[in-house]
Amino acid sequence: MPLTVPYSFTNATIAEAGEVNSNFTAVKTFADALQAGTNITAGAITAASLANTAVTAGSYTTANITVDAQGRLTAASTGSAALGGDSDQIVLSSQVFG
Protein backbone atom coordinates (compact mmCIF):
# COMPACT_ATOMS: atom_id res chain seq x y z
CA MET A 1 0.00 0.00 0.00
CA PRO A 2 1.68 3.24 -1.11
CA LEU A 3 1.73 6.39 0.99
CA THR A 4 -0.72 9.01 -0.29
CA VAL A 5 -0.63 12.59 0.96
CA PRO A 6 -3.74 14.74 0.41
CA TYR A 7 -2.01 17.97 -0.66
CA SER A 8 0.77 18.92 -3.11
CA PHE A 9 2.71 22.15 -2.92
CA THR A 10 4.50 24.26 -5.50
CA ASN A 11 7.86 25.84 -4.78
CA ALA A 12 7.75 29.55 -3.89
CA THR A 13 4.02 29.55 -3.08
CA ILE A 14 2.26 29.90 0.26
CA ALA A 15 1.23 26.65 1.91
CA GLU A 16 -1.69 26.65 4.33
CA ALA A 17 -0.86 25.24 7.75
CA GLY A 18 -3.93 22.99 7.77
CA GLU A 19 -2.90 21.35 4.49
CA VAL A 20 0.69 20.85 5.69
CA ASN A 21 -0.61 19.34 8.93
CA SER A 22 -2.91 17.03 6.97
CA ASN A 23 0.11 15.75 5.03
CA PHE A 24 2.05 15.17 8.27
CA THR A 25 -0.94 13.32 9.72
CA ALA A 26 -1.12 11.09 6.62
CA VAL A 27 2.60 10.27 6.91
CA LYS A 28 2.30 9.52 10.64
CA THR A 29 -0.75 7.28 10.10
CA PHE A 30 1.10 5.40 7.36
CA ALA A 31 4.25 4.97 9.50
CA ASP A 32 2.21 3.79 12.50
CA ALA A 33 0.53 1.18 10.30
CA LEU A 34 3.94 0.03 9.02
CA GLN A 35 5.06 -0.52 12.60
CA ALA A 36 1.89 -2.56 13.20
CA GLY A 37 2.57 -4.56 10.02
CA THR A 38 -0.60 -3.52 8.19
CA ASN A 39 0.87 -1.34 5.40
CA ILE A 40 3.37 -3.87 4.10
CA THR A 41 2.50 -4.83 0.53
CA ALA A 42 2.35 -8.58 -0.08
CA GLY A 43 5.57 -9.69 -1.73
CA ALA A 44 7.43 -6.49 -0.77
CA ILE A 45 9.91 -8.42 1.34
CA THR A 46 11.64 -11.01 -0.80
CA ALA A 47 14.39 -13.49 0.01
CA ALA A 48 16.80 -11.30 -1.94
CA SER A 49 16.10 -8.34 0.37
CA LEU A 50 16.73 -10.27 3.59
CA ALA A 51 20.15 -9.98 5.20
CA ASN A 52 22.22 -13.16 5.33
CA THR A 53 22.83 -14.80 8.70
CA ALA A 54 25.64 -17.09 9.82
CA VAL A 55 23.41 -20.13 9.24
CA THR A 56 24.25 -22.35 6.27
CA ALA A 57 21.23 -23.43 4.24
CA GLY A 58 20.49 -27.13 4.54
CA SER A 59 18.96 -29.81 6.71
CA TYR A 60 20.09 -30.33 10.29
CA THR A 61 19.63 -33.54 12.27
CA THR A 62 18.88 -33.20 15.99
CA ALA A 63 19.64 -29.52 15.48
CA ASN A 64 21.11 -27.09 17.98
CA ILE A 65 19.76 -23.68 16.98
CA THR A 66 19.99 -20.08 18.18
CA VAL A 67 17.17 -17.64 17.43
CA ASP A 68 17.41 -13.85 17.84
CA ALA A 69 14.69 -11.52 19.16
CA GLN A 70 13.25 -11.07 15.64
CA GLY A 71 12.84 -14.83 15.18
CA ARG A 72 15.79 -15.23 12.79
CA LEU A 73 18.05 -18.25 13.01
CA THR A 74 21.50 -16.92 13.82
CA ALA A 75 23.32 -20.20 14.46
CA ALA A 76 22.64 -23.85 13.70
CA SER A 77 24.56 -27.08 13.95
CA THR A 78 23.77 -30.74 13.74
CA GLY A 79 23.59 -32.28 17.18
CA SER A 80 23.66 -35.87 18.28
CA ALA A 81 21.16 -38.04 20.07
CA ALA A 82 22.34 -39.19 23.49
CA LEU A 83 22.24 -42.98 23.68
CA GLY A 84 22.22 -44.74 26.98
CA GLY A 85 21.42 -48.20 28.25
CA ASP A 86 20.30 -50.59 25.55
CA SER A 87 21.16 -49.67 22.00
CA ASP A 88 17.45 -49.49 21.11
CA GLN A 89 16.72 -46.81 23.71
CA ILE A 90 17.21 -43.07 23.42
CA VAL A 91 17.75 -40.97 26.52
CA LEU A 92 16.06 -37.59 26.15
CA SER A 93 17.38 -34.57 28.01
CA SER A 94 15.44 -31.41 28.83
CA GLN A 95 16.25 -27.81 28.06
CA VAL A 96 14.97 -24.92 30.21
CA PHE A 97 14.37 -21.60 28.45
CA GLY A 98 13.86 -18.31 30.16
PDB file of N, CA and C in Angstrom:
ATOM      1  N   MET A   1       0.843  -1.170   0.000  1.00  0.00           N
ATOM      2  CA  MET A   1       0.000   0.000   0.000  1.00  0.00           C
ATOM      3  C   MET A   1       0.891   1.237   0.000  1.00  0.00           C
ATOM      4  N   PRO A   2       0.816   2.059  -1.033  1.00  0.00           N
ATOM      5  CA  PRO A   2       1.676   3.242  -1.105  1.00  0.00           C
ATOM      6  C   PRO A   2       1.164   4.359  -0.190  1.00  0.00           C
ATOM      7  N   LEU A   3       2.073   5.211   0.201  1.00  0.00           N
ATOM      8  CA  LEU A   3       1.726   6.393   0.986  1.00  0.00           C
ATOM      9  C   LEU A   3       1.091   7.416   0.064  1.00  0.00           C
ATOM     10  N   THR A   4      -0.045   7.956   0.471  1.00  0.00           N
ATOM     11  CA  THR A   4      -0.715   9.007  -0.288  1.00  0.00           C
ATOM     12  C   THR A   4      -0.904  10.204   0.629  1.00  0.00           C
ATOM     13  N   VAL A   5      -0.413  11.364   0.202  1.00  0.00           N
ATOM     14  CA  VAL A   5      -0.629  12.594   0.961  1.00  0.00           C
ATOM     15  C   VAL A   5      -1.722  13.402   0.253  1.00  0.00           C
ATOM     16  N   PRO A   6      -2.583  14.074   1.029  1.00  0.00           N
ATOM     17  CA  PRO A   6      -3.737  14.744   0.414  1.00  0.00           C
ATOM     18  C   PRO A   6      -3.422  16.034  -0.343  1.00  0.00           C
ATOM     19  N   TYR A   7      -2.301  16.671  -0.039  1.00  0.00           N
ATOM     20  CA  TYR A   7      -2.012  17.965  -0.663  1.00  0.00           C
ATOM     21  C   TYR A   7      -0.635  17.981  -1.297  1.00  0.00           C
ATOM     22  N   SER A   8      -0.510  18.676  -2.448  1.00  0.00           N
ATOM     23  CA  SER A   8       0.770  18.917  -3.114  1.00  0.00           C
ATOM     24  C   SER A   8       1.055  20.411  -3.047  1.00  0.00           C
ATOM     25  N   PHE A   9       2.324  20.741  -3.021  1.00  0.00           N
ATOM     26  CA  PHE A   9       2.707  22.153  -2.917  1.00  0.00           C
ATOM     27  C   PHE A   9       3.677  22.503  -4.034  1.00  0.00           C
ATOM     28  N   THR A  10       3.624  23.755  -4.457  1.00  0.00           N
ATOM     29  CA  THR A  10       4.501  24.264  -5.496  1.00  0.00           C
ATOM     30  C   THR A  10       5.548  25.160  -4.852  1.00  0.00           C
ATOM     31  N   ASN A  11       6.767  25.034  -5.299  1.00  0.00           N
ATOM     32  CA  ASN A  11       7.864  25.843  -4.785  1.00  0.00           C
ATOM     33  C   ASN A  11       7.544  27.330  -4.933  1.00  0.00           C
ATOM     34  N   ALA A  12       7.889  28.088  -3.904  1.00  0.00           N
ATOM     35  CA  ALA A  12       7.746  29.552  -3.885  1.00  0.00           C
ATOM     36  C   ALA A  12       6.294  30.010  -3.799  1.00  0.00           C
ATOM     37  N   THR A  13       5.403  29.142  -3.315  1.00  0.00           N
ATOM     38  CA  THR A  13       4.016  29.547  -3.077  1.00  0.00           C
ATOM     39  C   THR A  13       3.696  29.340  -1.601  1.00  0.00           C
ATOM     40  N   ILE A  14       2.659  29.999  -1.142  1.00  0.00           N
ATOM     41  CA  ILE A  14       2.265  29.905   0.264  1.00  0.00           C
ATOM     42  C   ILE A  14       1.524  28.585   0.478  1.00  0.00           C
ATOM     43  N   ALA A  15       1.907  27.889   1.548  1.00  0.00           N
ATOM     44  CA  ALA A  15       1.230  26.648   1.915  1.00  0.00           C
ATOM     45  C   ALA A  15       0.408  26.911   3.171  1.00  0.00           C
ATOM     46  N   GLU A  16      -0.821  26.470   3.168  1.00  0.00           N
ATOM     47  CA  GLU A  16      -1.685  26.655   4.334  1.00  0.00           C
ATOM     48  C   GLU A  16      -1.318  25.625   5.404  1.00  0.00           C
ATOM     49  N   ALA A  17      -1.264  26.089   6.633  1.00  0.00           N
ATOM     50  CA  ALA A  17      -0.858  25.240   7.755  1.00  0.00           C
ATOM     51  C   ALA A  17      -1.733  23.995   7.867  1.00  0.00           C
ATOM     52  N   GLY A  18      -3.020  24.136   7.662  1.00  0.00           N
ATOM     53  CA  GLY A  18      -3.931  22.992   7.771  1.00  0.00           C
ATOM     54  C   GLY A  18      -3.624  21.907   6.746  1.00  0.00           C
ATOM     55  N   GLU A  19      -3.247  22.314   5.545  1.00  0.00           N
ATOM     56  CA  GLU A  19      -2.897  21.350   4.492  1.00  0.00           C
ATOM     57  C   GLU A  19      -1.577  20.653   4.815  1.00  0.00           C
ATOM     58  N   VAL A  20      -0.594  21.443   5.295  1.00  0.00           N
ATOM     59  CA  VAL A  20       0.685  20.853   5.685  1.00  0.00           C
ATOM     60  C   VAL A  20       0.473  19.851   6.816  1.00  0.00           C
ATOM     61  N   ASN A  21      -0.328  20.242   7.807  1.00  0.00           N
ATOM     62  CA  ASN A  21      -0.607  19.345   8.930  1.00  0.00           C
ATOM     63  C   ASN A  21      -1.337  18.081   8.479  1.00  0.00           C
ATOM     64  N   SER A  22      -2.219  18.212   7.508  1.00  0.00           N
ATOM     65  CA  SER A  22      -2.908  17.027   6.974  1.00  0.00           C
ATOM     66  C   SER A  22      -1.920  16.064   6.332  1.00  0.00           C
ATOM     67  N   ASN A  23      -0.918  16.606   5.620  1.00  0.00           N
ATOM     68  CA  ASN A  23       0.114  15.748   5.034  1.00  0.00           C
ATOM     69  C   ASN A  23       0.922  15.041   6.117  1.00  0.00           C
ATOM     70  N   PHE A  24       1.311  15.797   7.168  1.00  0.00           N
ATOM     71  CA  PHE A  24       2.052  15.173   8.268  1.00  0.00           C
ATOM     72  C   PHE A  24       1.221  14.078   8.937  1.00  0.00           C
ATOM     73  N   THR A  25      -0.056  14.326   9.108  1.00  0.00           N
ATOM     74  CA  THR A  25      -0.936  13.319   9.718  1.00  0.00           C
ATOM     75  C   THR A  25      -1.002  12.068   8.849  1.00  0.00           C
ATOM     76  N   ALA A  26      -1.080  12.236   7.538  1.00  0.00           N
ATOM     77  CA  ALA A  26      -1.119  11.091   6.623  1.00  0.00           C
ATOM     78  C   ALA A  26       0.169  10.274   6.718  1.00  0.00           C
ATOM     79  N   VAL A  27       1.314  10.963   6.790  1.00  0.00           N
ATOM     80  CA  VAL A  27       2.599  10.266   6.908  1.00  0.00           C
ATOM     81  C   VAL A  27       2.680   9.521   8.235  1.00  0.00           C
ATOM     82  N   LYS A  28       2.263  10.166   9.324  1.00  0.00           N
ATOM     83  CA  LYS A  28       2.298   9.521  10.638  1.00  0.00           C
ATOM     84  C   LYS A  28       1.385   8.292  10.673  1.00  0.00           C
ATOM     85  N   THR A  29       0.194   8.411  10.136  1.00  0.00           N
ATOM     86  CA  THR A  29      -0.745   7.282  10.100  1.00  0.00           C
ATOM     87  C   THR A  29      -0.158   6.122   9.312  1.00  0.00           C
ATOM     88  N   PHE A  30       0.468   6.433   8.183  1.00  0.00           N
ATOM     89  CA  PHE A  30       1.101   5.401   7.360  1.00  0.00           C
ATOM     90  C   PHE A  30       2.243   4.726   8.122  1.00  0.00           C
ATOM     91  N   ALA A  31       3.108   5.525   8.756  1.00  0.00           N
ATOM     92  CA  ALA A  31       4.253   4.975   9.504  1.00  0.00           C
ATOM     93  C   ALA A  31       3.784   4.130  10.682  1.00  0.00           C
ATOM     94  N   ASP A  32       2.748   4.578  11.383  1.00  0.00           N
ATOM     95  CA  ASP A  32       2.206   3.789  12.501  1.00  0.00           C
ATOM     96  C   ASP A  32       1.687   2.441  12.014  1.00  0.00           C
ATOM     97  N   ALA A  33       1.045   2.440  10.859  1.00  0.00           N
ATOM     98  CA  ALA A  33       0.531   1.182  10.304  1.00  0.00           C
ATOM     99  C   ALA A  33       1.670   0.266   9.866  1.00  0.00           C
ATOM    100  N   LEU A  34       2.774   0.851   9.367  1.00  0.00           N
ATOM    101  CA  LEU A  34       3.939   0.026   9.024  1.00  0.00           C
ATOM    102  C   LEU A  34       4.462  -0.682  10.256  1.00  0.00           C
ATOM    103  N   GLN A  35       4.563   0.061  11.356  1.00  0.00           N
ATOM    104  CA  GLN A  35       5.058  -0.520  12.599  1.00  0.00           C
ATOM    105  C   GLN A  35       4.148  -1.662  13.050  1.00  0.00           C
ATOM    106  N   ALA A  36       2.848  -1.520  12.824  1.00  0.00           N
ATOM    107  CA  ALA A  36       1.895  -2.563  13.200  1.00  0.00           C
ATOM    108  C   ALA A  36       1.870  -3.705  12.188  1.00  0.00           C
ATOM    109  N   GLY A  37       2.521  -3.512  11.030  1.00  0.00           N
ATOM    110  CA  GLY A  37       2.573  -4.563  10.017  1.00  0.00           C
ATOM    111  C   GLY A  37       1.421  -4.555   9.044  1.00  0.00           C
ATOM    112  N   THR A  38       0.585  -3.514   9.054  1.00  0.00           N
ATOM    113  CA  THR A  38      -0.596  -3.516   8.191  1.00  0.00           C
ATOM    114  C   THR A  38      -0.396  -2.827   6.847  1.00  0.00           C
ATOM    115  N   ASN A  39       0.658  -2.030   6.676  1.00  0.00           N
ATOM    116  CA  ASN A  39       0.872  -1.337   5.402  1.00  0.00           C
ATOM    117  C   ASN A  39       2.003  -1.954   4.590  1.00  0.00           C
ATOM    118  N   ILE A  40       2.308  -3.205   4.846  1.00  0.00           N
ATOM    119  CA  ILE A  40       3.367  -3.867   4.095  1.00  0.00           C
ATOM    120  C   ILE A  40       2.722  -4.615   2.927  1.00  0.00           C
ATOM    121  N   THR A  41       3.062  -4.231   1.729  1.00  0.00           N
ATOM    122  CA  THR A  41       2.501  -4.832   0.535  1.00  0.00           C
ATOM    123  C   THR A  41       2.950  -6.290   0.427  1.00  0.00           C
ATOM    124  N   ALA A  42       2.018  -7.172   0.096  1.00  0.00           N
ATOM    125  CA  ALA A  42       2.349  -8.583  -0.078  1.00  0.00           C
ATOM    126  C   ALA A  42       3.444  -8.718  -1.119  1.00  0.00           C
ATOM    127  N   GLY A  43       4.475  -9.477  -0.808  1.00  0.00           N
ATOM    128  CA  GLY A  43       5.573  -9.694  -1.728  1.00  0.00           C
ATOM    129  C   GLY A  43       6.633  -8.607  -1.682  1.00  0.00           C
ATOM    130  N   ALA A  44       6.452  -7.578  -0.828  1.00  0.00           N
ATOM    131  CA  ALA A  44       7.426  -6.486  -0.766  1.00  0.00           C
ATOM    132  C   ALA A  44       8.742  -6.934  -0.159  1.00  0.00           C
ATOM    133  N   ILE A  45       8.688  -7.906   0.719  1.00  0.00           N
ATOM    134  CA  ILE A  45       9.909  -8.417   1.344  1.00  0.00           C
ATOM    135  C   ILE A  45      10.214  -9.767   0.702  1.00  0.00           C
ATOM    136  N   THR A  46      11.260  -9.791  -0.099  1.00  0.00           N
ATOM    137  CA  THR A  46      11.639 -11.009  -0.804  1.00  0.00           C
ATOM    138  C   THR A  46      12.889 -11.608  -0.170  1.00  0.00           C
ATOM    139  N   ALA A  47      13.188 -12.837  -0.507  1.00  0.00           N
ATOM    140  CA  ALA A  47      14.393 -13.487   0.013  1.00  0.00           C
ATOM    141  C   ALA A  47      15.638 -12.691  -0.342  1.00  0.00           C
ATOM    142  N   ALA A  48      15.637 -12.075  -1.509  1.00  0.00           N
ATOM    143  CA  ALA A  48      16.803 -11.300  -1.941  1.00  0.00           C
ATOM    144  C   ALA A  48      17.023 -10.059  -1.080  1.00  0.00           C
ATOM    145  N   SER A  49      15.960  -9.548  -0.440  1.00  0.00           N
ATOM    146  CA  SER A  49      16.104  -8.336   0.367  1.00  0.00           C
ATOM    147  C   SER A  49      16.413  -8.637   1.832  1.00  0.00           C
ATOM    148  N   LEU A  50      16.410  -9.904   2.215  1.00  0.00           N
ATOM    149  CA  LEU A  50      16.734 -10.267   3.589  1.00  0.00           C
ATOM    150  C   LEU A  50      18.242 -10.364   3.767  1.00  0.00           C
ATOM    151  N   ALA A  51      18.721  -9.892   4.907  1.00  0.00           N
ATOM    152  CA  ALA A  51      20.153  -9.980   5.203  1.00  0.00           C
ATOM    153  C   ALA A  51      20.529 -11.428   5.490  1.00  0.00           C
ATOM    154  N   ASN A  52      21.723 -11.817   5.051  1.00  0.00           N
ATOM    155  CA  ASN A  52      22.216 -13.156   5.334  1.00  0.00           C
ATOM    156  C   ASN A  52      22.548 -13.288   6.818  1.00  0.00           C
ATOM    157  N   THR A  53      22.417 -14.498   7.332  1.00  0.00           N
ATOM    158  CA  THR A  53      22.829 -14.798   8.700  1.00  0.00           C
ATOM    159  C   THR A  53      24.015 -15.752   8.625  1.00  0.00           C
ATOM    160  N   ALA A  54      24.502 -16.177   9.773  1.00  0.00           N
ATOM    161  CA  ALA A  54      25.641 -17.086   9.819  1.00  0.00           C
ATOM    162  C   ALA A  54      25.209 -18.537   9.592  1.00  0.00           C
ATOM    163  N   VAL A  55      23.930 -18.771   9.405  1.00  0.00           N
ATOM    164  CA  VAL A  55      23.414 -20.130   9.240  1.00  0.00           C
ATOM    165  C   VAL A  55      23.570 -20.578   7.789  1.00  0.00           C
ATOM    166  N   THR A  56      24.104 -21.772   7.599  1.00  0.00           N
ATOM    167  CA  THR A  56      24.246 -22.354   6.268  1.00  0.00           C
ATOM    168  C   THR A  56      22.946 -23.059   5.899  1.00  0.00           C
ATOM    169  N   ALA A  57      22.459 -22.781   4.695  1.00  0.00           N
ATOM    170  CA  ALA A  57      21.230 -23.428   4.238  1.00  0.00           C
ATOM    171  C   ALA A  57      21.423 -24.931   4.180  1.00  0.00           C
ATOM    172  N   GLY A  58      20.414 -25.679   4.576  1.00  0.00           N
ATOM    173  CA  GLY A  58      20.489 -27.131   4.536  1.00  0.00           C
ATOM    174  C   GLY A  58      19.621 -27.761   5.597  1.00  0.00           C
ATOM    175  N   SER A  59      19.718 -29.057   5.713  1.00  0.00           N
ATOM    176  CA  SER A  59      18.964 -29.811   6.714  1.00  0.00           C
ATOM    177  C   SER A  59      19.876 -30.142   7.884  1.00  0.00           C
ATOM    178  N   TYR A  60      19.332 -30.050   9.079  1.00  0.00           N
ATOM    179  CA  TYR A  60      20.087 -30.333  10.290  1.00  0.00           C
ATOM    180  C   TYR A  60      19.383 -31.450  11.052  1.00  0.00           C
ATOM    181  N   THR A  61      20.171 -32.427  11.509  1.00  0.00           N
ATOM    182  CA  THR A  61      19.629 -33.544  12.268  1.00  0.00           C
ATOM    183  C   THR A  61      19.848 -33.273  13.748  1.00  0.00           C
ATOM    184  N   THR A  62      18.802 -33.459  14.555  1.00  0.00           N
ATOM    185  CA  THR A  62      18.878 -33.198  15.993  1.00  0.00           C
ATOM    186  C   THR A  62      19.561 -31.846  16.204  1.00  0.00           C
ATOM    187  N   ALA A  63      18.994 -30.828  15.594  1.00  0.00           N
ATOM    188  CA  ALA A  63      19.644 -29.522  15.484  1.00  0.00           C
ATOM    189  C   ALA A  63      19.784 -28.787  16.812  1.00  0.00           C
ATOM    190  N   ASN A  64      20.895 -28.081  16.932  1.00  0.00           N
ATOM    191  CA  ASN A  64      21.108 -27.088  17.981  1.00  0.00           C
ATOM    192  C   ASN A  64      20.978 -25.745  17.281  1.00  0.00           C
ATOM    193  N   ILE A  65      19.984 -24.941  17.676  1.00  0.00           N
ATOM    194  CA  ILE A  65      19.759 -23.679  16.979  1.00  0.00           C
ATOM    195  C   ILE A  65      19.753 -22.505  17.957  1.00  0.00           C
ATOM    196  N   THR A  66      20.084 -21.320  17.427  1.00  0.00           N
ATOM    197  CA  THR A  66      19.993 -20.078  18.177  1.00  0.00           C
ATOM    198  C   THR A  66      19.095 -19.142  17.378  1.00  0.00           C
ATOM    199  N   VAL A  67      18.130 -18.531  18.059  1.00  0.00           N
ATOM    200  CA  VAL A  67      17.165 -17.639  17.425  1.00  0.00           C
ATOM    201  C   VAL A  67      17.273 -16.266  18.083  1.00  0.00           C
ATOM    202  N   ASP A  68      17.325 -15.185  17.256  1.00  0.00           N
ATOM    203  CA  ASP A  68      17.409 -13.846  17.841  1.00  0.00           C
ATOM    204  C   ASP A  68      16.015 -13.317  18.173  1.00  0.00           C
ATOM    205  N   ALA A  69      15.947 -12.104  18.712  1.00  0.00           N
ATOM    206  CA  ALA A  69      14.685 -11.524  19.162  1.00  0.00           C
ATOM    207  C   ALA A  69      13.681 -11.303  18.035  1.00  0.00           C
ATOM    208  N   GLN A  70      14.147 -11.232  16.778  1.00  0.00           N
ATOM    209  CA  GLN A  70      13.248 -11.071  15.637  1.00  0.00           C
ATOM    210  C   GLN A  70      12.834 -12.408  15.029  1.00  0.00           C
ATOM    211  N   GLY A  71      13.229 -13.513  15.660  1.00  0.00           N
ATOM    212  CA  GLY A  71      12.842 -14.832  15.176  1.00  0.00           C
ATOM    213  C   GLY A  71      13.724 -15.381  14.084  1.00  0.00           C
ATOM    214  N   ARG A  72      14.878 -14.751  13.840  1.00  0.00           N
ATOM    215  CA  ARG A  72      15.786 -15.231  12.792  1.00  0.00           C
ATOM    216  C   ARG A  72      16.744 -16.257  13.376  1.00  0.00           C
ATOM    217  N   LEU A  73      17.032 -17.278  12.595  1.00  0.00           N
ATOM    218  CA  LEU A  73      18.048 -18.248  13.007  1.00  0.00           C
ATOM    219  C   LEU A  73      19.411 -17.601  12.833  1.00  0.00           C
ATOM    220  N   THR A  74      20.182 -17.553  13.905  1.00  0.00           N
ATOM    221  CA  THR A  74      21.497 -16.923  13.821  1.00  0.00           C
ATOM    222  C   THR A  74      22.623 -17.931  13.951  1.00  0.00           C
ATOM    223  N   ALA A  75      22.315 -19.140  14.382  1.00  0.00           N
ATOM    224  CA  ALA A  75      23.319 -20.199  14.460  1.00  0.00           C
ATOM    225  C   ALA A  75      22.592 -21.536  14.414  1.00  0.00           C
ATOM    226  N   ALA A  76      23.210 -22.504  13.767  1.00  0.00           N
ATOM    227  CA  ALA A  76      22.638 -23.852  13.700  1.00  0.00           C
ATOM    228  C   ALA A  76      23.751 -24.859  13.500  1.00  0.00           C
ATOM    229  N   SER A  77      23.613 -25.984  14.149  1.00  0.00           N
ATOM    230  CA  SER A  77      24.558 -27.076  13.954  1.00  0.00           C
ATOM    231  C   SER A  77      23.831 -28.383  14.171  1.00  0.00           C
ATOM    232  N   THR A  78      24.346 -29.424  13.550  1.00  0.00           N
ATOM    233  CA  THR A  78      23.773 -30.744  13.736  1.00  0.00           C
ATOM    234  C   THR A  78      24.230 -31.280  15.079  1.00  0.00           C
ATOM    235  N   GLY A  79      23.280 -31.727  15.867  1.00  0.00           N
ATOM    236  CA  GLY A  79      23.587 -32.279  17.182  1.00  0.00           C
ATOM    237  C   GLY A  79      23.705 -33.776  17.111  1.00  0.00           C
ATOM    238  N   SER A  80      23.628 -34.412  18.242  1.00  0.00           N
ATOM    239  CA  SER A  80      23.661 -35.868  18.279  1.00  0.00           C
ATOM    240  C   SER A  80      22.704 -36.342  19.360  1.00  0.00           C
ATOM    241  N   ALA A  81      22.068 -37.446  19.087  1.00  0.00           N
ATOM    242  CA  ALA A  81      21.164 -38.042  20.070  1.00  0.00           C
ATOM    243  C   ALA A  81      22.000 -38.736  21.133  1.00  0.00           C
ATOM    244  N   ALA A  82      21.629 -38.535  22.378  1.00  0.00           N
ATOM    245  CA  ALA A  82      22.338 -39.188  23.488  1.00  0.00           C
ATOM    246  C   ALA A  82      21.796 -40.602  23.645  1.00  0.00           C
ATOM    247  N   LEU A  83      22.654 -41.583  23.516  1.00  0.00           N
ATOM    248  CA  LEU A  83      22.238 -42.977  23.681  1.00  0.00           C
ATOM    249  C   LEU A  83      22.712 -43.466  25.034  1.00  0.00           C
ATOM    250  N   GLY A  84      21.850 -44.200  25.680  1.00  0.00           N
ATOM    251  CA  GLY A  84      22.224 -44.735  26.976  1.00  0.00           C
ATOM    252  C   GLY A  84      21.517 -46.071  27.184  1.00  0.00           C
ATOM    253  N   GLY A  85      22.044 -46.900  28.002  1.00  0.00           N
ATOM    254  CA  GLY A  85      21.425 -48.198  28.254  1.00  0.00           C
ATOM    255  C   GLY A  85      21.486 -49.071  27.029  1.00  0.00           C
ATOM    256  N   ASP A  86      20.377 -49.725  26.732  1.00  0.00           N
ATOM    257  CA  ASP A  86      20.301 -50.591  25.552  1.00  0.00           C
ATOM    258  C   ASP A  86      20.414 -49.767  24.280  1.00  0.00           C
ATOM    259  N   SER A  87      20.946 -50.391  23.242  1.00  0.00           N
ATOM    260  CA  SER A  87      21.159 -49.672  21.999  1.00  0.00           C
ATOM    261  C   SER A  87      19.857 -49.287  21.306  1.00  0.00           C
ATOM    262  N   ASP A  88      18.725 -49.851  21.724  1.00  0.00           N
ATOM    263  CA  ASP A  88      17.452 -49.488  21.108  1.00  0.00           C
ATOM    264  C   ASP A  88      16.694 -48.445  21.932  1.00  0.00           C
ATOM    265  N   GLN A  89      17.350 -47.834  22.886  1.00  0.00           N
ATOM    266  CA  GLN A  89      16.723 -46.806  23.708  1.00  0.00           C
ATOM    267  C   GLN A  89      17.427 -45.465  23.490  1.00  0.00           C
ATOM    268  N   ILE A  90      16.652 -44.408  23.528  1.00  0.00           N
ATOM    269  CA  ILE A  90      17.207 -43.065  23.421  1.00  0.00           C
ATOM    270  C   ILE A  90      16.916 -42.350  24.722  1.00  0.00           C
ATOM    271  N   VAL A  91      17.914 -41.736  25.292  1.00  0.00           N
ATOM    272  CA  VAL A  91      17.747 -40.966  26.517  1.00  0.00           C
ATOM    273  C   VAL A  91      17.521 -39.513  26.108  1.00  0.00           C
ATOM    274  N   LEU A  92      16.380 -38.959  26.502  1.00  0.00           N
ATOM    275  CA  LEU A  92      16.062 -37.586  26.154  1.00  0.00           C
ATOM    276  C   LEU A  92      16.450 -36.668  27.307  1.00  0.00           C
ATOM    277  N   SER A  93      17.053 -35.557  26.986  1.00  0.00           N
ATOM    278  CA  SER A  93      17.377 -34.573  28.009  1.00  0.00           C
ATOM    279  C   SER A  93      16.391 -33.420  27.893  1.00  0.00           C
ATOM    280  N   SER A  94      16.348 -32.555  28.888  1.00  0.00           N
ATOM    281  CA  SER A  94      15.444 -31.414  28.833  1.00  0.00           C
ATOM    282  C   SER A  94      16.238 -30.119  28.765  1.00  0.00           C
ATOM    283  N   GLN A  95      15.615 -29.121  28.179  1.00  0.00           N
ATOM    284  CA  GLN A  95      16.247 -27.806  28.064  1.00  0.00           C
ATOM    285  C   GLN A  95      15.288 -26.807  28.700  1.00  0.00           C
ATOM    286  N   VAL A  96      15.792 -25.946  29.567  1.00  0.00           N
ATOM    287  CA  VAL A  96      14.970 -24.917  30.207  1.00  0.00           C
ATOM    288  C   VAL A  96      15.266 -23.588  29.541  1.00  0.00           C
ATOM    289  N   PHE A  97      14.222 -22.908  29.084  1.00  0.00           N
ATOM    290  CA  PHE A  97      14.367 -21.598  28.446  1.00  0.00           C
ATOM    291  C   PHE A  97      13.820 -20.533  29.379  1.00  0.00           C
ATOM    292  N   GLY A  98      14.433 -19.392  29.355  1.00  0.00           N
ATOM    293  CA  GLY A  98      13.864 -18.309  30.157  1.00  0.00           C
ATOM    294  C   GLY A  98      14.889 -17.383  30.672  1.00  0.00           C
TER     295      GLY A  98
END
